[in-house]
PDB file of all heavy atoms in Angstrom:
ATOM      1  N   LYS A   1      75.601  96.558  92.084  1.00  0.00           N
ATOM      2  CA  LYS A   1      75.657  95.196  92.601  1.00  0.00           C
ATOM      3  C   LYS A   1      77.074  94.645  92.471  1.00  0.00           C
ATOM      4  O   LYS A   1      77.606  94.033  93.401  1.00  0.00           O
ATOM      5  CB  LYS A   1      74.673  94.300  91.854  1.00  0.00           C
ATOM      6  CG  LYS A   1      74.650  92.885  92.360  1.00  0.00           C
ATOM      7  CD  LYS A   1      73.682  92.016  91.577  1.00  0.00           C
ATOM      8  CE  LYS A   1      73.761  90.584  92.081  1.00  0.00           C
ATOM      9  NZ  LYS A   1      72.978  89.677  91.254  1.00  0.00           N
ATOM     10  N   SER A   2      77.698  94.887  91.340  1.00  0.00           N
ATOM     11  CA  SER A   2      79.069  94.423  91.117  1.00  0.00           C
ATOM     12  C   SER A   2      80.027  95.076  92.108  1.00  0.00           C
ATOM     13  O   SER A   2      80.903  94.417  92.677  1.00  0.00           O
ATOM     14  CB  SER A   2      79.488  94.740  89.678  1.00  0.00           C
ATOM     15  OG  SER A   2      80.815  94.369  89.458  1.00  0.00           O
ATOM     16  N   LYS A   3      79.852  96.369  92.330  1.00  0.00           N
ATOM     17  CA  LYS A   3      80.698  97.079  93.290  1.00  0.00           C
ATOM     18  C   LYS A   3      80.491  96.530  94.701  1.00  0.00           C
ATOM     19  O   LYS A   3      81.454  96.332  95.446  1.00  0.00           O
ATOM     20  CB  LYS A   3      80.386  98.573  93.255  1.00  0.00           C
ATOM     21  CG  LYS A   3      81.274  99.395  94.150  1.00  0.00           C
ATOM     22  CD  LYS A   3      80.992 100.879  94.002  1.00  0.00           C
ATOM     23  CE  LYS A   3      81.935 101.683  94.880  1.00  0.00           C
ATOM     24  NZ  LYS A   3      81.740 103.129  94.717  1.00  0.00           N
ATOM     25  N   ALA A   4      79.251  96.261  95.058  1.00  0.00           N
ATOM     26  CA  ALA A   4      78.951  95.705  96.389  1.00  0.00           C
ATOM     27  C   ALA A   4      79.600  94.329  96.554  1.00  0.00           C
ATOM     28  O   ALA A   4      80.132  94.018  97.621  1.00  0.00           O
ATOM     29  CB  ALA A   4      77.441  95.612  96.588  1.00  0.00           C
ATOM     30  N   GLU A   5      79.576  93.521  95.511  1.00  0.00           N
ATOM     31  CA  GLU A   5      80.197  92.200  95.581  1.00  0.00           C
ATOM     32  C   GLU A   5      81.710  92.316  95.749  1.00  0.00           C
ATOM     33  O   GLU A   5      82.314  91.567  96.514  1.00  0.00           O
ATOM     34  CB  GLU A   5      79.850  91.379  94.343  1.00  0.00           C
ATOM     35  CG  GLU A   5      78.393  90.933  94.318  1.00  0.00           C
ATOM     36  CD  GLU A   5      77.964  90.340  92.985  1.00  0.00           C
ATOM     37  OE1 GLU A   5      78.740  90.432  92.000  1.00  0.00           O
ATOM     38  OE2 GLU A   5      76.848  89.795  92.924  1.00  0.00           O
ATOM     39  N   ARG A   6      82.322  93.267  95.036  1.00  0.00           N
ATOM     40  CA  ARG A   6      83.771  93.479  95.179  1.00  0.00           C
ATOM     41  C   ARG A   6      84.104  93.953  96.591  1.00  0.00           C
ATOM     42  O   ARG A   6      85.076  93.493  97.201  1.00  0.00           O
ATOM     43  CB  ARG A   6      84.281  94.491  94.144  1.00  0.00           C
ATOM     44  CG  ARG A   6      84.359  93.959  92.748  1.00  0.00           C
ATOM     45  CD  ARG A   6      85.150  94.880  91.824  1.00  0.00           C
ATOM     46  NE  ARG A   6      84.693  96.263  91.839  1.00  0.00           N
ATOM     47  CZ  ARG A   6      83.730  96.757  91.070  1.00  0.00           C
ATOM     48  NH1 ARG A   6      83.092  95.977  90.231  1.00  0.00           N
ATOM     49  NH2 ARG A   6      83.397  98.026  91.155  1.00  0.00           N
ATOM     50  N   LEU A   7      83.303  94.873  97.120  1.00  0.00           N
ATOM     51  CA  LEU A   7      83.528  95.363  98.483  1.00  0.00           C
ATOM     52  C   LEU A   7      83.343  94.248  99.508  1.00  0.00           C
ATOM     53  O   LEU A   7      84.100  94.159 100.477  1.00  0.00           O
ATOM     54  CB  LEU A   7      82.593  96.528  98.797  1.00  0.00           C
ATOM     55  CG  LEU A   7      82.924  97.847  98.093  1.00  0.00           C
ATOM     56  CD1 LEU A   7      81.813  98.858  98.344  1.00  0.00           C
ATOM     57  CD2 LEU A   7      84.256  98.381  98.557  1.00  0.00           C
ATOM     58  N   GLU A   8      82.361  93.397  99.277  1.00  0.00           N
ATOM     59  CA  GLU A   8      82.131  92.276 100.190  1.00  0.00           C
ATOM     60  C   GLU A   8      83.323  91.316 100.171  1.00  0.00           C
ATOM     61  O   GLU A   8      83.770  90.854 101.223  1.00  0.00           O
ATOM     62  CB  GLU A   8      80.854  91.541  99.790  1.00  0.00           C
ATOM     63  CG  GLU A   8      80.422  90.487 100.772  1.00  0.00           C
ATOM     64  CD  GLU A   8      79.088  89.855 100.396  1.00  0.00           C
ATOM     65  OE1 GLU A   8      78.560  90.124  99.313  1.00  0.00           O
ATOM     66  OE2 GLU A   8      78.584  89.074 101.223  1.00  0.00           O
ATOM     67  N   ALA A   9      83.867  91.044  99.000  1.00  0.00           N
ATOM     68  CA  ALA A   9      85.039  90.172  98.899  1.00  0.00           C
ATOM     69  C   ALA A   9      86.254  90.817  99.569  1.00  0.00           C
ATOM     70  O   ALA A   9      87.018  90.145 100.270  1.00  0.00           O
ATOM     71  CB  ALA A   9      85.339  89.868  97.435  1.00  0.00           C
ATOM     72  N   ALA A  10      86.423  92.117  99.365  1.00  0.00           N
ATOM     73  CA  ALA A  10      87.543  92.822  99.997  1.00  0.00           C
ATOM     74  C   ALA A  10      87.386  92.805 101.514  1.00  0.00           C
ATOM     75  O   ALA A  10      88.369  92.624 102.244  1.00  0.00           O
ATOM     76  CB  ALA A  10      87.614  94.265  99.482  1.00  0.00           C
ATOM     77  N   PHE A  11      86.167  92.983 101.998  1.00  0.00           N
ATOM     78  CA  PHE A  11      85.915  92.964 103.440  1.00  0.00           C
ATOM     79  C   PHE A  11      86.218  91.580 104.020  1.00  0.00           C
ATOM     80  O   PHE A  11      86.819  91.472 105.089  1.00  0.00           O
ATOM     81  CB  PHE A  11      84.466  93.368 103.729  1.00  0.00           C
ATOM     82  CG  PHE A  11      84.147  93.435 105.187  1.00  0.00           C
ATOM     83  CD1 PHE A  11      84.655  94.467 105.966  1.00  0.00           C
ATOM     84  CD2 PHE A  11      83.359  92.479 105.790  1.00  0.00           C
ATOM     85  CE1 PHE A  11      84.377  94.540 107.323  1.00  0.00           C
ATOM     86  CE2 PHE A  11      83.069  92.535 107.137  1.00  0.00           C
ATOM     87  CZ  PHE A  11      83.578  93.570 107.906  1.00  0.00           C
ATOM     88  N   ALA A  12      85.829  90.527 103.311  1.00  0.00           N
ATOM     89  CA  ALA A  12      86.114  89.164 103.770  1.00  0.00           C
ATOM     90  C   ALA A  12      87.619  88.936 103.839  1.00  0.00           C
ATOM     91  O   ALA A  12      88.131  88.330 104.781  1.00  0.00           O
ATOM     92  CB  ALA A  12      85.452  88.150 102.848  1.00  0.00           C
ATOM     93  N   SER A  13      88.332  89.458 102.849  1.00  0.00           N
ATOM     94  CA  SER A  13      89.794  89.338 102.841  1.00  0.00           C
ATOM     95  C   SER A  13      90.397  90.087 104.025  1.00  0.00           C
ATOM     96  O   SER A  13      91.314  89.585 104.688  1.00  0.00           O
ATOM     97  CB  SER A  13      90.352  89.886 101.528  1.00  0.00           C
ATOM     98  OG  SER A  13      91.759  89.884 101.540  1.00  0.00           O
ATOM     99  N   LEU A  14      89.884  91.273 104.305  1.00  0.00           N
ATOM    100  CA  LEU A  14      90.370  92.045 105.455  1.00  0.00           C
ATOM    101  C   LEU A  14      90.073  91.335 106.767  1.00  0.00           C
ATOM    102  O   LEU A  14      90.918  91.317 107.670  1.00  0.00           O
ATOM    103  CB  LEU A  14      89.736  93.438 105.468  1.00  0.00           C
ATOM    104  CG  LEU A  14      90.298  94.431 104.456  1.00  0.00           C
ATOM    105  CD1 LEU A  14      89.464  95.704 104.464  1.00  0.00           C
ATOM    106  CD2 LEU A  14      91.746  94.733 104.743  1.00  0.00           C
ATOM    107  N   GLU A  15      88.886  90.739 106.883  1.00  0.00           N
ATOM    108  CA  GLU A  15      88.559  89.991 108.096  1.00  0.00           C
ATOM    109  C   GLU A  15      89.536  88.842 108.303  1.00  0.00           C
ATOM    110  O   GLU A  15      89.975  88.581 109.427  1.00  0.00           O
ATOM    111  CB  GLU A  15      87.138  89.444 108.020  1.00  0.00           C
ATOM    112  CG  GLU A  15      86.065  90.456 108.327  1.00  0.00           C
ATOM    113  CD  GLU A  15      84.677  89.836 108.311  1.00  0.00           C
ATOM    114  OE1 GLU A  15      84.381  89.028 107.398  1.00  0.00           O
ATOM    115  OE2 GLU A  15      83.898  90.150 109.218  1.00  0.00           O
ATOM    116  N   LYS A  16      89.881  88.173 107.217  1.00  0.00           N
ATOM    117  CA  LYS A  16      90.829  87.061 107.301  1.00  0.00           C
ATOM    118  C   LYS A  16      92.200  87.555 107.745  1.00  0.00           C
ATOM    119  O   LYS A  16      92.845  86.964 108.607  1.00  0.00           O
ATOM    120  CB  LYS A  16      90.921  86.370 105.935  1.00  0.00           C
ATOM    121  CG  LYS A  16      91.762  85.134 105.925  1.00  0.00           C
ATOM    122  CD  LYS A  16      91.742  84.481 104.543  1.00  0.00           C
ATOM    123  CE  LYS A  16      92.624  83.247 104.514  1.00  0.00           C
ATOM    124  NZ  LYS A  16      92.623  82.613 103.193  1.00  0.00           N
ATOM    125  N   ARG A  17      92.652  88.676 107.172  1.00  0.00           N
ATOM    126  CA  ARG A  17      93.946  89.242 107.545  1.00  0.00           C
ATOM    127  C   ARG A  17      93.952  89.682 109.006  1.00  0.00           C
ATOM    128  O   ARG A  17      94.941  89.485 109.725  1.00  0.00           O
ATOM    129  CB  ARG A  17      94.290  90.416 106.626  1.00  0.00           C
ATOM    130  CG  ARG A  17      94.675  89.964 105.229  1.00  0.00           C
ATOM    131  CD  ARG A  17      94.892  91.095 104.262  1.00  0.00           C
ATOM    132  NE  ARG A  17      95.874  92.055 104.733  1.00  0.00           N
ATOM    133  CZ  ARG A  17      96.003  93.268 104.243  1.00  0.00           C
ATOM    134  NH1 ARG A  17      95.215  93.670 103.266  1.00  0.00           N
ATOM    135  NH2 ARG A  17      96.912  94.094 104.711  1.00  0.00           N
ATOM    136  N   VAL A  18      92.850  90.285 109.455  1.00  0.00           N
ATOM    137  CA  VAL A  18      92.749  90.710 110.859  1.00  0.00           C
ATOM    138  C   VAL A  18      92.822  89.494 111.779  1.00  0.00           C
ATOM    139  O   VAL A  18      93.475  89.532 112.825  1.00  0.00           O
ATOM    140  CB  VAL A  18      91.455  91.520 111.101  1.00  0.00           C
ATOM    141  CG1 VAL A  18      91.167  91.683 112.582  1.00  0.00           C
ATOM    142  CG2 VAL A  18      91.561  92.887 110.427  1.00  0.00           C
ATOM    143  N   GLY A  19      92.184  88.408 111.385  1.00  0.00           N
ATOM    144  CA  GLY A  19      92.254  87.181 112.169  1.00  0.00           C
ATOM    145  C   GLY A  19      93.677  86.680 112.303  1.00  0.00           C
ATOM    146  O   GLY A  19      94.112  86.288 113.395  1.00  0.00           O
ATOM    147  N   HIS A  20      94.424  86.718 111.193  1.00  0.00           N
ATOM    148  CA  HIS A  20      95.831  86.307 111.244  1.00  0.00           C
ATOM    149  C   HIS A  20      96.647  87.239 112.141  1.00  0.00           C
ATOM    150  O   HIS A  20      97.484  86.780 112.919  1.00  0.00           O
ATOM    151  CB  HIS A  20      96.445  86.282 109.837  1.00  0.00           C
ATOM    152  CG  HIS A  20      95.984  85.142 108.997  1.00  0.00           C
ATOM    153  ND1 HIS A  20      96.327  83.834 109.243  1.00  0.00           N
ATOM    154  CD2 HIS A  20      95.195  85.103 107.909  1.00  0.00           C
ATOM    155  CE1 HIS A  20      95.779  83.049 108.344  1.00  0.00           C
ATOM    156  NE2 HIS A  20      95.077  83.796 107.518  1.00  0.00           N
ATOM    157  N   LEU A  21      96.401  88.537 112.023  1.00  0.00           N
ATOM    158  CA  LEU A  21      97.131  89.497 112.853  1.00  0.00           C
ATOM    159  C   LEU A  21      96.818  89.315 114.333  1.00  0.00           C
ATOM    160  O   LEU A  21      97.713  89.426 115.181  1.00  0.00           O
ATOM    161  CB  LEU A  21      96.812  90.926 112.410  1.00  0.00           C
ATOM    162  CG  LEU A  21      97.393  91.352 111.064  1.00  0.00           C
ATOM    163  CD1 LEU A  21      96.846  92.710 110.657  1.00  0.00           C
ATOM    164  CD2 LEU A  21      98.907  91.368 111.111  1.00  0.00           C
ATOM    165  N   GLU A  22      95.563  89.040 114.651  1.00  0.00           N
ATOM    166  CA  GLU A  22      95.209  88.812 116.047  1.00  0.00           C
ATOM    167  C   GLU A  22      95.901  87.564 116.586  1.00  0.00           C
ATOM    168  O   GLU A  22      96.373  87.556 117.729  1.00  0.00           O
ATOM    169  CB  GLU A  22      93.696  88.692 116.198  1.00  0.00           C
ATOM    170  CG  GLU A  22      92.974  90.024 116.051  1.00  0.00           C
ATOM    171  CD  GLU A  22      91.465  89.894 116.071  1.00  0.00           C
ATOM    172  OE1 GLU A  22      90.941  88.778 115.878  1.00  0.00           O
ATOM    173  OE2 GLU A  22      90.807  90.930 116.265  1.00  0.00           O
ATOM    174  N   ALA A  23      95.975  86.508 115.761  1.00  0.00           N
ATOM    175  CA  ALA A  23      96.664  85.281 116.189  1.00  0.00           C
ATOM    176  C   ALA A  23      98.153  85.555 116.402  1.00  0.00           C
ATOM    177  O   ALA A  23      98.746  85.086 117.386  1.00  0.00           O
ATOM    178  CB  ALA A  23      96.464  84.184 115.150  1.00  0.00           C
ATOM    179  N   GLU A  24      98.758  86.320 115.491  1.00  0.00           N
ATOM    180  CA  GLU A  24     100.169  86.675 115.661  1.00  0.00           C
ATOM    181  C   GLU A  24     100.372  87.528 116.909  1.00  0.00           C
ATOM    182  O   GLU A  24     101.373  87.377 117.611  1.00  0.00           O
ATOM    183  CB  GLU A  24     100.678  87.418 114.424  1.00  0.00           C
ATOM    184  CG  GLU A  24     100.847  86.534 113.216  1.00  0.00           C
ATOM    185  CD  GLU A  24     101.322  87.295 111.998  1.00  0.00           C
ATOM    186  OE1 GLU A  24     101.707  88.476 112.123  1.00  0.00           O
ATOM    187  OE2 GLU A  24     101.302  86.709 110.911  1.00  0.00           O
ATOM    188  N   ASN A  25      99.439  88.411 117.180  1.00  0.00           N
ATOM    189  CA  ASN A  25      99.522  89.262 118.364  1.00  0.00           C
ATOM    190  C   ASN A  25      99.506  88.418 119.638  1.00  0.00           C
ATOM    191  O   ASN A  25     100.263  88.678 120.574  1.00  0.00           O
ATOM    192  CB  ASN A  25      98.377  90.269 118.365  1.00  0.00           C
ATOM    193  CG  ASN A  25      98.561  91.360 119.383  1.00  0.00           C
ATOM    194  OD1 ASN A  25      99.676  91.687 119.759  1.00  0.00           O
ATOM    195  ND2 ASN A  25      97.452  91.924 119.832  1.00  0.00           N
ATOM    196  N   VAL A  26      98.651  87.407 119.665  1.00  0.00           N
ATOM    197  CA  VAL A  26      98.592  86.505 120.826  1.00  0.00           C
ATOM    198  C   VAL A  26      99.939  85.805 120.998  1.00  0.00           C
ATOM    199  O   VAL A  26     100.476  85.723 122.110  1.00  0.00           O
ATOM    200  CB  VAL A  26      97.450  85.486 120.666  1.00  0.00           C
ATOM    201  CG1 VAL A  26      97.558  84.363 121.686  1.00  0.00           C
ATOM    202  CG2 VAL A  26      96.103  86.182 120.790  1.00  0.00           C
ATOM    203  N   MET A  27     100.492  85.308 119.882  1.00  0.00           N
ATOM    204  CA  MET A  27     101.789  84.621 119.964  1.00  0.00           C
ATOM    205  C   MET A  27     102.889  85.575 120.427  1.00  0.00           C
ATOM    206  O   MET A  27     103.744  85.200 121.240  1.00  0.00           O
ATOM    207  CB  MET A  27     102.153  84.007 118.616  1.00  0.00           C
ATOM    208  CG  MET A  27     101.283  82.835 118.242  1.00  0.00           C
ATOM    209  SD  MET A  27     101.780  81.912 116.761  1.00  0.00           S
ATOM    210  CE  MET A  27     102.221  83.156 115.599  1.00  0.00           C
ATOM    211  N   LEU A  28     102.879  86.810 119.953  1.00  0.00           N
ATOM    212  CA  LEU A  28     103.885  87.783 120.370  1.00  0.00           C
ATOM    213  C   LEU A  28     103.751  88.119 121.851  1.00  0.00           C
ATOM    214  O   LEU A  28     104.760  88.282 122.547  1.00  0.00           O
ATOM    215  CB  LEU A  28     103.787  89.054 119.526  1.00  0.00           C
ATOM    216  CG  LEU A  28     104.292  88.928 118.091  1.00  0.00           C
ATOM    217  CD1 LEU A  28     103.954  90.187 117.305  1.00  0.00           C
ATOM    218  CD2 LEU A  28     105.787  88.664 118.069  1.00  0.00           C
TER     219      LEU A  28
END
Protein backbone atom coordinates (compact mmCIF):
# COMPACT_ATOMS: atom_id res chain seq x y z
CA LYS A 1 0.00 0.00 0.00
CA SER A 2 2.83 2.38 0.87
CA LYS A 3 4.59 1.60 -2.41
CA ALA A 4 1.36 2.16 -4.35
CA GLU A 5 0.88 5.54 -2.65
CA ARG A 6 4.45 6.57 -3.53
CA LEU A 7 3.94 5.48 -7.15
CA GLU A 8 0.65 7.37 -7.30
CA ALA A 9 2.36 10.54 -6.02
CA ALA A 10 5.20 10.10 -8.51
CA PHE A 11 2.69 9.60 -11.33
CA ALA A 12 0.82 12.77 -10.33
CA SER A 13 4.12 14.65 -10.36
CA LEU A 14 4.92 13.28 -13.82
CA GLU A 15 1.47 14.27 -15.09
CA LYS A 16 2.07 17.80 -13.84
CA ARG A 17 5.49 17.95 -15.52
CA VAL A 18 4.02 16.63 -18.78
CA GLY A 19 1.37 19.34 -18.62
CA HIS A 20 4.07 21.99 -18.26
CA LEU A 21 6.05 20.50 -21.14
CA GLU A 22 2.99 20.43 -23.37
CA ALA A 23 2.30 24.11 -22.57
CA GLU A 24 5.93 24.99 -23.36
CA ASN A 25 5.68 23.00 -26.59
CA VAL A 26 2.63 25.04 -27.65
CA MET A 27 4.51 28.27 -26.90
CA LEU A 28 7.56 27.08 -28.86
